[in-house]
Protein backbone atom coordinates (compact mmCIF):
# COMPACT_ATOMS: atom_id res chain seq x y z
CA MET A 1 -10.73 -9.08 -3.30
CA GLN A 2 -13.18 -7.02 -5.37
CA LEU A 3 -13.90 -3.53 -4.08
CA ASP A 4 -16.74 -1.33 -5.24
CA ASN A 5 -16.16 2.20 -6.53
CA ALA A 6 -17.37 3.89 -3.34
CA THR A 7 -14.92 1.88 -1.23
CA ILE A 8 -12.03 2.61 -3.60
CA LYS A 9 -12.88 6.32 -3.51
CA ARG A 10 -12.93 6.28 0.32
CA LEU A 11 -9.59 4.41 0.45
CA LYS A 12 -8.01 6.89 -1.97
CA GLY A 13 -9.20 9.72 0.29
CA ILE A 14 -7.60 8.09 3.32
CA GLY A 15 -4.43 7.36 1.33
CA HIS A 16 -4.15 10.96 0.20
CA GLU A 17 -3.41 12.01 3.78
CA LEU A 18 -0.84 9.27 4.40
CA LYS A 19 2.91 9.63 4.16
CA PRO A 20 4.90 6.85 2.44
CA ILE A 21 5.89 4.17 4.94
CA VAL A 22 8.29 2.33 2.63
CA MET A 23 10.51 3.83 -0.05
CA ILE A 24 11.96 1.52 -2.67
CA GLY A 25 15.36 2.54 -4.01
CA ASN A 26 17.43 1.51 -6.99
CA ASN A 27 18.04 -1.96 -5.51
CA GLY A 28 14.40 -2.79 -6.14
CA ILE A 29 12.43 -5.24 -4.06
CA THR A 30 14.73 -6.83 -1.49
CA PRO A 31 13.84 -9.26 1.32
CA ALA A 32 14.09 -6.38 3.81
CA ILE A 33 11.59 -4.35 1.75
CA THR A 34 9.11 -7.23 1.59
CA GLU A 35 9.43 -7.81 5.36
CA GLU A 36 8.81 -4.14 6.09
CA ILE A 37 5.81 -3.99 3.76
CA ASP A 38 4.36 -7.13 5.35
CA ARG A 39 4.80 -5.65 8.84
CA ALA A 40 3.35 -2.29 7.78
CA LEU A 41 0.30 -3.92 6.16
CA THR A 42 -0.29 -6.03 9.27
CA ASP A 43 -0.18 -2.94 11.50
CA HIS A 44 -1.72 -0.26 9.28
CA GLU A 45 -3.78 -2.24 6.70
CA LEU A 46 -3.59 0.64 4.19
CA ILE A 47 -0.13 1.96 3.32
CA LYS A 48 1.51 4.25 0.81
CA VAL A 49 4.73 3.08 -0.85
CA LYS A 50 7.14 5.28 -2.81
CA LEU A 51 8.23 3.44 -5.95
CA PRO A 52 11.59 3.73 -7.74
CA ALA A 53 12.01 6.07 -10.68
CA GLY A 54 11.33 4.66 -14.11
CA SER A 55 8.60 4.42 -16.69
CA LYS A 56 4.95 4.06 -15.70
CA HIS A 57 4.99 0.45 -16.86
CA ASP A 58 8.05 -0.30 -14.67
CA ARG A 59 6.40 1.31 -11.64
CA ASP A 60 3.17 -0.61 -12.24
CA VAL A 61 5.12 -3.87 -12.45
CA VAL A 62 6.87 -3.10 -9.13
CA ALA A 63 3.56 -2.19 -7.45
CA THR A 64 1.91 -5.39 -8.70
CA GLU A 65 4.88 -7.49 -7.60
CA LEU A 66 4.78 -5.91 -4.13
CA ALA A 67 1.07 -6.57 -3.82
CA THR A 68 1.42 -10.17 -4.97
CA THR A 69 4.30 -10.83 -2.57
CA ALA A 70 2.43 -9.26 0.36
CA LYS A 71 -0.95 -10.79 -0.59
CA ALA A 72 -2.37 -7.27 -0.82
CA ASN A 73 -4.35 -5.22 -3.33
CA VAL A 74 -3.08 -2.23 -5.26
CA ILE A 75 -5.77 0.38 -4.71
CA HIS A 76 -4.20 3.19 -6.69
CA THR A 77 -0.95 4.29 -8.27
CA ILE A 78 -0.14 7.84 -9.18
CA GLY A 79 3.31 9.03 -10.09
CA ARG A 80 5.80 7.26 -7.88
CA MET A 81 3.24 6.42 -5.17
CA ALA A 82 1.29 3.20 -4.74
CA LEU A 83 -1.50 2.59 -2.25
CA LEU A 84 -1.66 -0.99 -0.93
CA LEU A 85 -4.43 -2.60 1.11
CA ARG A 86 -4.49 -5.83 3.08
CA GLN A 87 -7.25 -6.06 5.63
CA ASN A 88 -6.40 -7.50 9.03
CA PRO A 89 -9.35 -8.66 11.17
CA ASN A 90 -7.18 -8.39 14.31
CA ALA A 91 -5.71 -4.96 13.57
CA ASN A 92 -4.81 -2.64 16.41
CA PRO A 93 -7.33 0.25 16.16
CA LYS A 94 -4.64 2.73 17.25
CA LEU A 95 -2.38 1.75 14.33
CA SER A 96 -4.87 0.85 11.60
CA ASN A 97 -5.39 3.60 9.06
CA LEU A 98 -8.81 2.12 8.26
CA ALA A 99 -9.97 2.17 11.89
CA ARG A 100 -8.58 5.64 12.56
CA HIS A 101 -10.36 7.08 9.51
CA ALA A 102 -13.62 5.13 9.92
CA GLN A 103 -16.73 7.15 9.36
C-alpha cells in the first residue's frame, strides 16, 4: 500500500503517543510474537513494536520481517521502535488507534 506524505505524517503523530504493544527480546521473532502482532494489528490497526537491541540494519531487517509476516506496512522506525500499520475495514472503533485519533 502506497501512502502519501501527509498520511505518513499523521500516522507518525498518532504513533508518537502510543506505547509499545509488543516487545521483541533476544529470542527474536517467535510464533507467539507473530500471533500477538497479528492480533494487535487486527484490533488496533496501528501499533508500536519495541525491537531487540542491535545495529540499525538488524533492527530494520526485524521490522521488515515482522511487517511481511503480518501483511502490514512499516510506517516508521526510530531507535528501537517500529510503527506498523495494517488497516482493518471491520475494526472496533473503541480499539482502533486510527478511529480514536480521527480528525
